[in-house]
Amino acid sequence: MATALVQGAVSSRAFAREDILVCDAIPDVAAKLAGAAQVKAVAKNEELAAKADALVLCVKPADALEALRALRDGTKGKLVISIVAGLPLAALQEAAGSKVRIIRVMPNTPALIHRGAAAYALGKTATAADGALTESLFGAVGQIVKVKEELLDVVTGLSGSGPAYVYLVVEALSDAGVLMGLPRDLSLKLAAQTVAGAAEMVIETGRHPAALRDEVTSPGGTTIAGLEALEAGAVRSAFLSAVRAATERARELGASK
C-alpha cells in the first residue's frame, strides 16, 4: 500500500518528488521504492520524522503503536495518517502523544492500480487542512470519502475486504465458463472484464444497480433464468453475511487494542 501511495502521489503530481521521503525496516525495500518513484529514502524513522511535516503509518498492527511511541519527540506538532487495520484513533493518539494530529484511513488494494476506495476519519486535533492533504494523497490512487470513525469498521467489512469477495465472484464465473466448455484463459478474461465493465456502468451512469440489471433481463430470457438460480443459492444473503462478519471482526480487533 505504501508503494501504491508513493507512486500515485508522484504520477498524479499531487506532491512533488522532492517532498516525499520513504523509510522501511528493511533498507533495500525503501531503496527499491525510492528508485522506482524517484524519491528519497532515509535510513531511520527518526530521520523521517524530523524532516517530514506529515507521516503515513504503513506498518503491521502489531508494530504500529510501538513505532509511534518511539517517535513521540519527533512527531510533536505533526500529522500522522494511519492506514493500520483495526487500530482506533484513541489508541493511536495515546501512543503518539497529545501533540500529534491523527487521521485514520481505511484503503483497499486496488489502490495499486489507481482504482482504490478509501474512507477516513479525523482525530480530535486534526484540522480541515489535514483532511484536505489526506484527500489529495488517497485521491491520487482512487476515491476517498470522509466518515465518522465508527463507520470505518463497516468500510473495512465492505470495501477493505470487498476485493476478496469480488475475486471470488470472478473465479466462480470463470469456473462456470469452463464447466460449460470455454477454455480457461478465455473464460477468466471474459469473467474479469464483465465484472469490471458492470462496476464501471454503475459508477459512470450513477444509476441504481437494479435499474441496470432490469435492462439486461428480458422476459423469459437467459438472464432471468440465471438470476433465479442465484436467488435460489442465496447469493445476496451470502454477501450481506460476509460484510456483516468482516465488520464485526474489525470491531473485535479494535476493541482488543
C-alpha atoms as a PDB file:
ATOM      1  CA  MET A   1       0.000   0.000   0.000  1.00  0.00           C
ATOM      2  CA  ALA A   2       2.869   2.375   0.746  1.00  0.00           C
ATOM      3  CA  THR A   3       4.212   1.710  -2.745  1.00  0.00           C
ATOM      4  CA  ALA A   4       0.834   2.498  -4.289  1.00  0.00           C
ATOM      5  CA  LEU A   5       0.534   5.753  -2.354  1.00  0.00           C
ATOM      6  CA  VAL A   6       4.020   6.962  -3.246  1.00  0.00           C
ATOM      7  CA  GLN A   7       3.687   6.085  -6.910  1.00  0.00           C
ATOM      8  CA  GLY A   8       0.190   7.565  -7.057  1.00  0.00           C
ATOM      9  CA  ALA A   9       1.297  10.799  -5.422  1.00  0.00           C
ATOM     10  CA  VAL A  10       4.135  11.131  -7.905  1.00  0.00           C
ATOM     11  CA  SER A  11       2.286  10.145 -11.086  1.00  0.00           C
ATOM     12  CA  SER A  12      -0.707  12.384 -10.293  1.00  0.00           C
ATOM     13  CA  ARG A  13       1.592  15.277  -9.371  1.00  0.00           C
ATOM     14  CA  ALA A  14      -0.365  15.698  -6.154  1.00  0.00           C
ATOM     15  CA  PHE A  15       3.007  16.016  -4.418  1.00  0.00           C
ATOM     16  CA  ALA A  16       6.447  16.880  -5.753  1.00  0.00           C
ATOM     17  CA  ARG A  17       9.056  14.096  -5.777  1.00  0.00           C
ATOM     18  CA  GLU A  18      11.444  16.147  -3.721  1.00  0.00           C
ATOM     19  CA  ASP A  19       8.836  16.463  -0.960  1.00  0.00           C
ATOM     20  CA  ILE A  20       8.462  12.692  -0.500  1.00  0.00           C
ATOM     21  CA  LEU A  21      10.640  10.611   1.822  1.00  0.00           C
ATOM     22  CA  VAL A  22      10.354   6.852   2.383  1.00  0.00           C
ATOM     23  CA  CYS A  23      11.669   4.585   5.102  1.00  0.00           C
ATOM     24  CA  ASP A  24      11.384   0.868   5.806  1.00  0.00           C
ATOM     25  CA  ALA A  25      12.704  -1.535   8.425  1.00  0.00           C
ATOM     26  CA  ILE A  26      14.390  -3.317   5.501  1.00  0.00           C
ATOM     27  CA  PRO A  27      16.612  -0.683   3.828  1.00  0.00           C
ATOM     28  CA  ASP A  28      16.626  -2.469   0.469  1.00  0.00           C
ATOM     29  CA  VAL A  29      12.819  -2.200   0.283  1.00  0.00           C
ATOM     30  CA  ALA A  30      12.937   1.547   0.826  1.00  0.00           C
ATOM     31  CA  ALA A  31      15.782   1.917  -1.675  1.00  0.00           C
ATOM     32  CA  LYS A  32      13.856  -0.032  -4.308  1.00  0.00           C
ATOM     33  CA  LEU A  33      10.750   2.124  -3.887  1.00  0.00           C
ATOM     34  CA  ALA A  34      12.799   5.306  -3.873  1.00  0.00           C
ATOM     35  CA  GLY A  35      14.499   4.286  -7.097  1.00  0.00           C
ATOM     36  CA  ALA A  36      11.256   3.333  -8.836  1.00  0.00           C
ATOM     37  CA  ALA A  37       9.418   6.519  -7.840  1.00  0.00           C
ATOM     38  CA  GLN A  38      12.497   8.782  -7.956  1.00  0.00           C
ATOM     39  CA  VAL A  39      12.052   9.933  -4.366  1.00  0.00           C
ATOM     40  CA  LYS A  40      14.467   9.928  -1.436  1.00  0.00           C
ATOM     41  CA  ALA A  41      14.923   7.078   1.044  1.00  0.00           C
ATOM     42  CA  VAL A  42      16.113   7.695   4.596  1.00  0.00           C
ATOM     43  CA  ALA A  43      17.679   5.122   6.873  1.00  0.00           C
ATOM     44  CA  LYS A  44      15.798   5.670  10.141  1.00  0.00           C
ATOM     45  CA  ASN A  45      12.256   6.513  11.195  1.00  0.00           C
ATOM     46  CA  GLU A  46      13.690   9.218  13.440  1.00  0.00           C
ATOM     47  CA  GLU A  47      15.222  10.975  10.447  1.00  0.00           C
ATOM     48  CA  LEU A  48      11.932  10.702   8.570  1.00  0.00           C
ATOM     49  CA  ALA A  49      10.005  12.193  11.490  1.00  0.00           C
ATOM     50  CA  ALA A  50      12.484  15.046  11.833  1.00  0.00           C
ATOM     51  CA  LYS A  51      12.279  16.046   8.182  1.00  0.00           C
ATOM     52  CA  ALA A  52       8.619  15.441   7.336  1.00  0.00           C
ATOM     53  CA  ASP A  53       5.569  17.568   8.159  1.00  0.00           C
ATOM     54  CA  ALA A  54       3.198  14.631   7.693  1.00  0.00           C
ATOM     55  CA  LEU A  55       3.856  10.904   8.075  1.00  0.00           C
ATOM     56  CA  VAL A  56       1.884   7.951   6.742  1.00  0.00           C
ATOM     57  CA  LEU A  57       1.992   4.957   9.065  1.00  0.00           C
ATOM     58  CA  CYS A  58       2.049   1.839   6.864  1.00  0.00           C
ATOM     59  CA  VAL A  59       3.094  -0.977   9.190  1.00  0.00           C
ATOM     60  CA  LYS A  60       1.614  -4.152  10.618  1.00  0.00           C
ATOM     61  CA  PRO A  61      -0.837  -3.643  13.519  1.00  0.00           C
ATOM     62  CA  ALA A  62       1.486  -5.407  15.951  1.00  0.00           C
ATOM     63  CA  ASP A  63       4.251  -2.884  15.228  1.00  0.00           C
ATOM     64  CA  ALA A  64       2.252   0.327  14.895  1.00  0.00           C
ATOM     65  CA  LEU A  65       1.843   1.506  18.473  1.00  0.00           C
ATOM     66  CA  GLU A  66       5.469   0.846  19.370  1.00  0.00           C
ATOM     67  CA  ALA A  67       6.575   2.747  16.269  1.00  0.00           C
ATOM     68  CA  LEU A  68       4.500   5.750  17.337  1.00  0.00           C
ATOM     69  CA  ARG A  69       5.796   5.627  20.901  1.00  0.00           C
ATOM     70  CA  ALA A  70       9.381   5.572  19.658  1.00  0.00           C
ATOM     71  CA  LEU A  71       8.776   8.691  17.555  1.00  0.00           C
ATOM     72  CA  ARG A  72       6.946  10.808  20.149  1.00  0.00           C
ATOM     73  CA  ASP A  73       9.587  13.524  20.295  1.00  0.00           C
ATOM     74  CA  GLY A  74       9.983  13.766  16.533  1.00  0.00           C
ATOM     75  CA  THR A  75       6.290  13.883  15.661  1.00  0.00           C
ATOM     76  CA  LYS A  76       5.098  16.597  18.055  1.00  0.00           C
ATOM     77  CA  GLY A  77       3.003  19.153  16.192  1.00  0.00           C
ATOM     78  CA  LYS A  78       2.880  16.967  13.072  1.00  0.00           C
ATOM     79  CA  LEU A  79       0.259  14.946  11.246  1.00  0.00           C
ATOM     80  CA  VAL A  80       0.266  11.150  11.288  1.00  0.00           C
ATOM     81  CA  ILE A  81      -2.011   9.348   8.838  1.00  0.00           C
ATOM     82  CA  SER A  82      -2.567   5.729   9.858  1.00  0.00           C
ATOM     83  CA  ILE A  83      -3.711   3.037   7.442  1.00  0.00           C
ATOM     84  CA  VAL A  84      -3.197   0.350  10.086  1.00  0.00           C
ATOM     85  CA  ALA A  85      -6.174  -2.006  10.224  1.00  0.00           C
ATOM     86  CA  GLY A  86      -8.081  -2.283  13.481  1.00  0.00           C
ATOM     87  CA  LEU A  87      -6.299   0.438  15.451  1.00  0.00           C
ATOM     88  CA  PRO A  88      -8.770   3.108  16.651  1.00  0.00           C
ATOM     89  CA  LEU A  89      -7.947   6.783  16.858  1.00  0.00           C
ATOM     90  CA  ALA A  90      -7.843   6.678  20.668  1.00  0.00           C
ATOM     91  CA  ALA A  91      -5.133   4.002  20.713  1.00  0.00           C
ATOM     92  CA  LEU A  92      -3.136   5.789  18.027  1.00  0.00           C
ATOM     93  CA  GLN A  93      -3.405   9.099  19.891  1.00  0.00           C
ATOM     94  CA  GLU A  94      -2.349   7.580  23.189  1.00  0.00           C
ATOM     95  CA  ALA A  95       0.742   6.041  21.617  1.00  0.00           C
ATOM     96  CA  ALA A  96       1.688   9.133  19.618  1.00  0.00           C
ATOM     97  CA  GLY A  97       1.000  11.679  22.331  1.00  0.00           C
ATOM     98  CA  SER A  98      -1.444  14.566  22.608  1.00  0.00           C
ATOM     99  CA  LYS A  99       0.697  16.913  20.492  1.00  0.00           C
ATOM    100  CA  VAL A 100       0.336  14.777  17.349  1.00  0.00           C
ATOM    101  CA  ARG A 101      -2.562  15.210  14.926  1.00  0.00           C
ATOM    102  CA  ILE A 102      -4.010  11.847  13.854  1.00  0.00           C
ATOM    103  CA  ILE A 103      -6.094  10.757  10.878  1.00  0.00           C
ATOM    104  CA  ARG A 104      -7.201   7.167  10.375  1.00  0.00           C
ATOM    105  CA  VAL A 105      -7.729   5.837   6.846  1.00  0.00           C
ATOM    106  CA  MET A 106      -9.119   2.537   5.586  1.00  0.00           C
ATOM    107  CA  PRO A 107      -7.893   1.986   1.999  1.00  0.00           C
ATOM    108  CA  ASN A 108      -8.038  -1.129  -0.179  1.00  0.00           C
ATOM    109  CA  THR A 109      -5.646  -2.919  -2.504  1.00  0.00           C
ATOM    110  CA  PRO A 110      -6.991  -1.683  -5.881  1.00  0.00           C
ATOM    111  CA  ALA A 111      -5.105   1.496  -4.985  1.00  0.00           C
ATOM    112  CA  LEU A 112      -2.196  -0.363  -6.588  1.00  0.00           C
ATOM    113  CA  ILE A 113      -3.829   0.292  -9.985  1.00  0.00           C
ATOM    114  CA  HIS A 114      -5.295   3.690  -9.011  1.00  0.00           C
ATOM    115  CA  ARG A 115      -8.779   2.225  -8.500  1.00  0.00           C
ATOM    116  CA  GLY A 116      -8.819   2.318  -4.729  1.00  0.00           C
ATOM    117  CA  ALA A 117     -11.755   3.037  -2.429  1.00  0.00           C
ATOM    118  CA  ALA A 118     -10.856   4.627   0.913  1.00  0.00           C
ATOM    119  CA  ALA A 119     -12.544   6.363   3.826  1.00  0.00           C
ATOM    120  CA  TYR A 120     -11.015   8.488   6.567  1.00  0.00           C
ATOM    121  CA  ALA A 121     -11.856   9.879   9.983  1.00  0.00           C
ATOM    122  CA  LEU A 122     -10.266  12.862  11.681  1.00  0.00           C
ATOM    123  CA  GLY A 123      -8.759  12.667  15.135  1.00  0.00           C
ATOM    124  CA  LYS A 124      -9.802  15.285  17.713  1.00  0.00           C
ATOM    125  CA  THR A 125      -6.953  17.680  16.922  1.00  0.00           C
ATOM    126  CA  ALA A 126      -6.714  17.090  13.158  1.00  0.00           C
ATOM    127  CA  THR A 127      -7.599  20.119  11.045  1.00  0.00           C
ATOM    128  CA  ALA A 128      -9.541  20.688   7.856  1.00  0.00           C
ATOM    129  CA  ALA A 129      -6.201  21.252   6.107  1.00  0.00           C
ATOM    130  CA  ASP A 130      -5.047  17.839   7.347  1.00  0.00           C
ATOM    131  CA  GLY A 131      -8.189  16.322   5.850  1.00  0.00           C
ATOM    132  CA  ALA A 132      -7.545  18.069   2.541  1.00  0.00           C
ATOM    133  CA  LEU A 133      -3.984  16.713   2.442  1.00  0.00           C
ATOM    134  CA  THR A 134      -5.295  13.206   3.132  1.00  0.00           C
ATOM    135  CA  GLU A 135      -7.835  13.534   0.332  1.00  0.00           C
ATOM    136  CA  SER A 136      -5.107  14.672  -2.058  1.00  0.00           C
ATOM    137  CA  LEU A 137      -2.908  11.695  -1.221  1.00  0.00           C
ATOM    138  CA  PHE A 138      -5.514   8.953  -1.357  1.00  0.00           C
ATOM    139  CA  GLY A 139      -7.450  10.658  -4.141  1.00  0.00           C
ATOM    140  CA  ALA A 140      -4.334  10.166  -6.259  1.00  0.00           C
ATOM    141  CA  VAL A 141      -4.914   6.397  -6.178  1.00  0.00           C
ATOM    142  CA  GLY A 142      -8.715   6.208  -6.277  1.00  0.00           C
ATOM    143  CA  GLN A 143     -11.659   7.659  -4.388  1.00  0.00           C
ATOM    144  CA  ILE A 144     -11.768   8.733  -0.744  1.00  0.00           C
ATOM    145  CA  VAL A 145     -14.643   9.864   1.472  1.00  0.00           C
ATOM    146  CA  LYS A 146     -14.846  11.309   4.978  1.00  0.00           C
ATOM    147  CA  VAL A 147     -16.817   9.352   7.586  1.00  0.00           C
ATOM    148  CA  LYS A 148     -17.313   9.160  11.336  1.00  0.00           C
ATOM    149  CA  GLU A 149     -14.812   6.806  12.919  1.00  0.00           C
ATOM    150  CA  GLU A 150     -17.472   4.308  13.996  1.00  0.00           C
ATOM    151  CA  LEU A 151     -18.224   3.715  10.318  1.00  0.00           C
ATOM    152  CA  LEU A 152     -14.642   2.745   9.476  1.00  0.00           C
ATOM    153  CA  ASP A 153     -15.263  -0.811  10.662  1.00  0.00           C
ATOM    154  CA  VAL A 154     -18.148  -1.046   8.189  1.00  0.00           C
ATOM    155  CA  VAL A 155     -15.879   0.380   5.493  1.00  0.00           C
ATOM    156  CA  THR A 156     -13.398  -2.348   6.402  1.00  0.00           C
ATOM    157  CA  GLY A 157     -16.079  -5.016   6.003  1.00  0.00           C
ATOM    158  CA  LEU A 158     -17.298  -3.596   2.689  1.00  0.00           C
ATOM    159  CA  SER A 159     -14.508  -2.018   0.643  1.00  0.00           C
ATOM    160  CA  GLY A 160     -11.493  -3.049   2.720  1.00  0.00           C
ATOM    161  CA  SER A 161     -12.290  -6.756   2.476  1.00  0.00           C
ATOM    162  CA  GLY A 162     -14.507  -6.348  -0.584  1.00  0.00           C
ATOM    163  CA  PRO A 163     -11.868  -7.017  -3.261  1.00  0.00           C
ATOM    164  CA  ALA A 164     -11.550 -10.572  -1.926  1.00  0.00           C
ATOM    165  CA  TYR A 165     -15.285 -11.090  -2.363  1.00  0.00           C
ATOM    166  CA  VAL A 166     -15.107  -9.835  -5.933  1.00  0.00           C
ATOM    167  CA  TYR A 167     -12.110 -12.039  -6.730  1.00  0.00           C
ATOM    168  CA  LEU A 168     -14.210 -14.977  -5.553  1.00  0.00           C
ATOM    169  CA  VAL A 169     -17.007 -13.911  -7.914  1.00  0.00           C
ATOM    170  CA  VAL A 170     -14.588 -13.641 -10.843  1.00  0.00           C
ATOM    171  CA  GLU A 171     -13.144 -17.057 -10.026  1.00  0.00           C
ATOM    172  CA  ALA A 172     -16.600 -18.617  -9.758  1.00  0.00           C
ATOM    173  CA  LEU A 173     -17.773 -17.107 -13.054  1.00  0.00           C
ATOM    174  CA  SER A 174     -14.591 -18.308 -14.721  1.00  0.00           C
ATOM    175  CA  ASP A 175     -15.105 -21.822 -13.342  1.00  0.00           C
ATOM    176  CA  ALA A 176     -18.670 -21.764 -14.623  1.00  0.00           C
ATOM    177  CA  GLY A 177     -17.482 -20.848 -18.112  1.00  0.00           C
ATOM    178  CA  VAL A 178     -15.012 -23.735 -18.034  1.00  0.00           C
ATOM    179  CA  LEU A 179     -17.768 -26.059 -16.816  1.00  0.00           C
ATOM    180  CA  MET A 180     -19.841 -25.130 -19.833  1.00  0.00           C
ATOM    181  CA  GLY A 181     -16.991 -25.543 -22.315  1.00  0.00           C
ATOM    182  CA  LEU A 182     -14.914 -22.358 -22.510  1.00  0.00           C
ATOM    183  CA  PRO A 183     -11.096 -22.540 -22.400  1.00  0.00           C
ATOM    184  CA  ARG A 184      -9.757 -21.413 -19.004  1.00  0.00           C
ATOM    185  CA  ASP A 185      -7.850 -18.341 -20.226  1.00  0.00           C
ATOM    186  CA  LEU A 186     -10.784 -17.094 -22.291  1.00  0.00           C
ATOM    187  CA  SER A 187     -13.288 -17.747 -19.514  1.00  0.00           C
ATOM    188  CA  LEU A 188     -11.196 -15.847 -16.964  1.00  0.00           C
ATOM    189  CA  LYS A 189     -10.709 -12.918 -19.323  1.00  0.00           C
ATOM    190  CA  LEU A 190     -14.428 -12.656 -20.029  1.00  0.00           C
ATOM    191  CA  ALA A 191     -15.378 -13.034 -16.360  1.00  0.00           C
ATOM    192  CA  ALA A 192     -12.968 -10.324 -15.177  1.00  0.00           C
ATOM    193  CA  GLN A 193     -13.973  -7.882 -17.907  1.00  0.00           C
ATOM    194  CA  THR A 194     -17.659  -8.495 -17.236  1.00  0.00           C
ATOM    195  CA  VAL A 195     -17.262  -7.646 -13.547  1.00  0.00           C
ATOM    196  CA  ALA A 196     -15.093  -4.604 -14.303  1.00  0.00           C
ATOM    197  CA  GLY A 197     -17.461  -3.354 -17.007  1.00  0.00           C
ATOM    198  CA  ALA A 198     -20.559  -3.766 -14.857  1.00  0.00           C
ATOM    199  CA  ALA A 199     -18.914  -1.866 -11.991  1.00  0.00           C
ATOM    200  CA  GLU A 200     -17.923   0.964 -14.340  1.00  0.00           C
ATOM    201  CA  MET A 201     -21.520   1.161 -15.580  1.00  0.00           C
ATOM    202  CA  VAL A 202     -22.721   1.815 -12.031  1.00  0.00           C
ATOM    203  CA  ILE A 203     -20.012   4.429 -11.443  1.00  0.00           C
ATOM    204  CA  GLU A 204     -20.295   6.220 -14.782  1.00  0.00           C
ATOM    205  CA  THR A 205     -24.090   6.290 -15.079  1.00  0.00           C
ATOM    206  CA  GLY A 206     -24.864   6.908 -11.414  1.00  0.00           C
ATOM    207  CA  ARG A 207     -27.907   4.681 -11.795  1.00  0.00           C
ATOM    208  CA  HIS A 208     -29.104   2.103  -9.297  1.00  0.00           C
ATOM    209  CA  PRO A 209     -27.765  -1.414  -9.992  1.00  0.00           C
ATOM    210  CA  ALA A 210     -31.304  -2.795 -10.011  1.00  0.00           C
ATOM    211  CA  ALA A 211     -32.243  -0.487 -12.893  1.00  0.00           C
ATOM    212  CA  LEU A 212     -29.190  -1.546 -14.897  1.00  0.00           C
ATOM    213  CA  ARG A 213     -29.930  -5.196 -14.128  1.00  0.00           C
ATOM    214  CA  ASP A 214     -33.504  -4.845 -15.393  1.00  0.00           C
ATOM    215  CA  GLU A 215     -32.222  -3.530 -18.715  1.00  0.00           C
ATOM    216  CA  VAL A 216     -30.481  -6.835 -19.456  1.00  0.00           C
ATOM    217  CA  THR A 217     -33.248  -9.036 -18.030  1.00  0.00           C
ATOM    218  CA  SER A 218     -35.697  -9.876 -20.818  1.00  0.00           C
ATOM    219  CA  PRO A 219     -38.989 -11.645 -20.047  1.00  0.00           C
ATOM    220  CA  GLY A 220     -38.452 -15.387 -20.279  1.00  0.00           C
ATOM    221  CA  GLY A 221     -34.820 -14.881 -21.288  1.00  0.00           C
ATOM    222  CA  THR A 222     -31.456 -16.254 -20.273  1.00  0.00           C
ATOM    223  CA  THR A 223     -30.616 -13.619 -17.671  1.00  0.00           C
ATOM    224  CA  ILE A 224     -33.749 -14.095 -15.575  1.00  0.00           C
ATOM    225  CA  ALA A 225     -33.100 -17.836 -15.595  1.00  0.00           C
ATOM    226  CA  GLY A 226     -29.610 -17.197 -14.234  1.00  0.00           C
ATOM    227  CA  LEU A 227     -30.889 -14.734 -11.634  1.00  0.00           C
ATOM    228  CA  GLU A 228     -33.407 -17.293 -10.430  1.00  0.00           C
ATOM    229  CA  ALA A 229     -30.556 -19.728  -9.800  1.00  0.00           C
ATOM    230  CA  LEU A 230     -28.593 -17.070  -7.892  1.00  0.00           C
ATOM    231  CA  GLU A 231     -31.585 -16.241  -5.700  1.00  0.00           C
ATOM    232  CA  ALA A 232     -32.119 -19.949  -5.018  1.00  0.00           C
ATOM    233  CA  GLY A 233     -28.475 -20.117  -3.920  1.00  0.00           C
ATOM    234  CA  ALA A 234     -28.972 -17.177  -1.532  1.00  0.00           C
ATOM    235  CA  VAL A 235     -26.116 -15.229  -3.130  1.00  0.00           C
ATOM    236  CA  ARG A 236     -27.500 -11.875  -1.979  1.00  0.00           C
ATOM    237  CA  SER A 237     -27.810 -13.151   1.585  1.00  0.00           C
ATOM    238  CA  ALA A 238     -24.262 -14.529   1.459  1.00  0.00           C
ATOM    239  CA  PHE A 239     -22.847 -11.104   0.580  1.00  0.00           C
ATOM    240  CA  LEU A 240     -24.841  -9.456   3.357  1.00  0.00           C
ATOM    241  CA  SER A 241     -23.444 -12.017   5.780  1.00  0.00           C
ATOM    242  CA  ALA A 242     -19.890 -11.532   4.503  1.00  0.00           C
ATOM    243  CA  VAL A 243     -19.924  -7.775   5.096  1.00  0.00           C
ATOM    244  CA  ARG A 244     -21.547  -8.270   8.499  1.00  0.00           C
ATOM    245  CA  ALA A 245     -18.939 -10.869   9.540  1.00  0.00           C
ATOM    246  CA  ALA A 246     -15.993  -8.765   8.380  1.00  0.00           C
ATOM    247  CA  THR A 247     -17.380  -5.651  10.087  1.00  0.00           C
ATOM    248  CA  GLU A 248     -17.886  -7.489  13.370  1.00  0.00           C
ATOM    249  CA  ARG A 249     -14.371  -8.902  13.168  1.00  0.00           C
ATOM    250  CA  ALA A 250     -12.955  -5.415  12.601  1.00  0.00           C
ATOM    251  CA  ARG A 251     -14.833  -4.220  15.687  1.00  0.00           C
ATOM    252  CA  GLU A 252     -13.385  -7.099  17.704  1.00  0.00           C
ATOM    253  CA  LEU A 253      -9.872  -6.206  16.610  1.00  0.00           C
ATOM    254  CA  GLY A 254     -10.369  -2.564  17.519  1.00  0.00           C
ATOM    255  CA  ALA A 255     -11.845  -3.386  20.918  1.00  0.00           C
ATOM    256  CA  SER A 256      -8.818  -5.513  21.806  1.00  0.00           C
ATOM    257  CA  LYS A 257      -6.356  -2.628  21.392  1.00  0.00           C
END
